[in-house]
C-alpha atoms as a PDB file:
ATOM      1  CA  MET A   1      68.533  77.073  89.641  1.00  0.00           C
ATOM      2  CA  ASN A   2      67.824  80.708  88.983  1.00  0.00           C
ATOM      3  CA  GLU A   3      66.427  81.787  85.638  1.00  0.00           C
ATOM      4  CA  LEU A   4      68.095  84.274  83.357  1.00  0.00           C
ATOM      5  CA  PRO A   5      66.305  87.581  82.904  1.00  0.00           C
ATOM      6  CA  LYS A   6      64.381  87.777  79.628  1.00  0.00           C
ATOM      7  CA  HIS A   7      66.063  90.929  78.302  1.00  0.00           C
ATOM      8  CA  PRO A   8      68.664  90.449  75.521  1.00  0.00           C
ATOM      9  CA  ASN A   9      71.713  91.955  77.270  1.00  0.00           C
ATOM     10  CA  LEU A  10      72.792  90.730  80.680  1.00  0.00           C
ATOM     11  CA  PHE A  11      75.030  92.233  83.330  1.00  0.00           C
ATOM     12  CA  ALA A  12      77.786  90.375  85.165  1.00  0.00           C
ATOM     13  CA  SER A  13      75.723  90.487  88.371  1.00  0.00           C
ATOM     14  CA  GLU A  14      72.923  88.575  86.614  1.00  0.00           C
ATOM     15  CA  ILE A  15      75.388  85.958  85.386  1.00  0.00           C
ATOM     16  CA  ILE A  16      76.797  85.598  88.903  1.00  0.00           C
ATOM     17  CA  LYS A  17      73.317  85.065  90.336  1.00  0.00           C
ATOM     18  CA  PHE A  18      72.353  82.592  87.597  1.00  0.00           C
ATOM     19  CA  THR A  19      75.501  80.459  87.703  1.00  0.00           C
ATOM     20  CA  ARG A  20      76.118  80.804  91.454  1.00  0.00           C
ATOM     21  CA  TYR A  21      79.792  81.174  90.574  1.00  0.00           C
ATOM     22  CA  SER A  22      81.873  83.610  92.576  1.00  0.00           C
ATOM     23  CA  LYS A  23      82.133  87.215  91.468  1.00  0.00           C
ATOM     24  CA  THR A  24      85.901  86.768  91.116  1.00  0.00           C
ATOM     25  CA  LEU A  25      85.539  83.758  88.823  1.00  0.00           C
ATOM     26  CA  ILE A  26      82.935  85.410  86.587  1.00  0.00           C
ATOM     27  CA  TYR A  27      85.092  88.521  86.155  1.00  0.00           C
ATOM     28  CA  GLN A  28      88.155  86.362  85.397  1.00  0.00           C
ATOM     29  CA  LEU A  29      86.183  84.507  82.722  1.00  0.00           C
ATOM     30  CA  LEU A  30      84.934  87.795  81.279  1.00  0.00           C
ATOM     31  CA  GLU A  31      88.404  89.354  81.252  1.00  0.00           C
ATOM     32  CA  ARG A  32      89.903  86.295  79.535  1.00  0.00           C
ATOM     33  CA  GLY A  33      87.125  86.335  76.955  1.00  0.00           C
ATOM     34  CA  GLU A  34      85.869  82.895  77.930  1.00  0.00           C
ATOM     35  CA  ILE A  35      82.363  84.257  78.457  1.00  0.00           C
ATOM     36  CA  PRO A  36      81.413  86.194  75.308  1.00  0.00           C
ATOM     37  CA  SER A  37      80.886  89.825  76.239  1.00  0.00           C
ATOM     38  CA  TYR A  38      81.538  93.437  75.362  1.00  0.00           C
ATOM     39  CA  LYS A  39      81.932  96.587  77.400  1.00  0.00           C
ATOM     40  CA  VAL A  40      79.829  99.735  77.396  1.00  0.00           C
ATOM     41  CA  ASN A  41      81.401 102.585  79.381  1.00  0.00           C
ATOM     42  CA  GLY A  42      83.572 100.044  81.210  1.00  0.00           C
ATOM     43  CA  VAL A  43      80.638  97.792  82.177  1.00  0.00           C
ATOM     44  CA  TYR A  44      80.458  94.226  80.893  1.00  0.00           C
ATOM     45  CA  ARG A  45      77.396  93.339  78.846  1.00  0.00           C
ATOM     46  CA  ILE A  46      76.682  89.779  77.889  1.00  0.00           C
ATOM     47  CA  ASP A  47      74.410  88.840  75.005  1.00  0.00           C
ATOM     48  CA  ARG A  48      71.804  86.469  76.415  1.00  0.00           C
ATOM     49  CA  THR A  49      71.873  84.122  73.392  1.00  0.00           C
ATOM     50  CA  GLU A  50      75.680  83.908  73.337  1.00  0.00           C
ATOM     51  CA  PHE A  51      75.792  83.318  77.086  1.00  0.00           C
ATOM     52  CA  THR A  52      73.149  80.573  76.841  1.00  0.00           C
ATOM     53  CA  GLU A  53      75.208  78.820  74.157  1.00  0.00           C
ATOM     54  CA  TRP A  54      78.367  79.158  76.283  1.00  0.00           C
ATOM     55  CA  TRP A  55      76.559  77.833  79.362  1.00  0.00           C
ATOM     56  CA  GLU A  56      75.250  74.773  77.500  1.00  0.00           C
ATOM     57  CA  LYS A  57      78.787  73.982  76.271  1.00  0.00           C
ATOM     58  CA  GLN A  58      80.036  74.203  79.849  1.00  0.00           C
ATOM     59  CA  ARG A  59      77.336  71.818  81.043  1.00  0.00           C
ATOM     60  CA  VAL A  60      78.126  69.324  78.271  1.00  0.00           C
ATOM     61  CA  ARG A  61      81.854  69.517  79.062  1.00  0.00           C
ATOM     62  CA  GLN A  62      81.172  69.109  82.791  1.00  0.00           C
ATOM     63  CA  ASN A  63      78.942  66.059  82.177  1.00  0.00           C
ATOM     64  CA  PHE A  64      81.553  64.517  79.851  1.00  0.00           C
ATOM     65  CA  GLU A  65      84.395  65.038  82.328  1.00  0.00           C
ATOM     66  CA  SER A  66      82.425  63.568  85.235  1.00  0.00           C
ATOM     67  CA  ALA A  67      81.403  60.433  83.282  1.00  0.00           C
END
């Protein structure tokens, strides 16, 4: 799996690369507010810590549902 960049604010393209989810899915999740984010001049920014917490919850949910 890819590693997240070390800087505190991530871009959608970095999330797409990390998760290997489609661009469409990531933007849908961002627009619905499922991935915590904010916009600067119309560009999504994702706090690295908040994204990491969200990602761990997704992994736990995925493991629970597949058990």
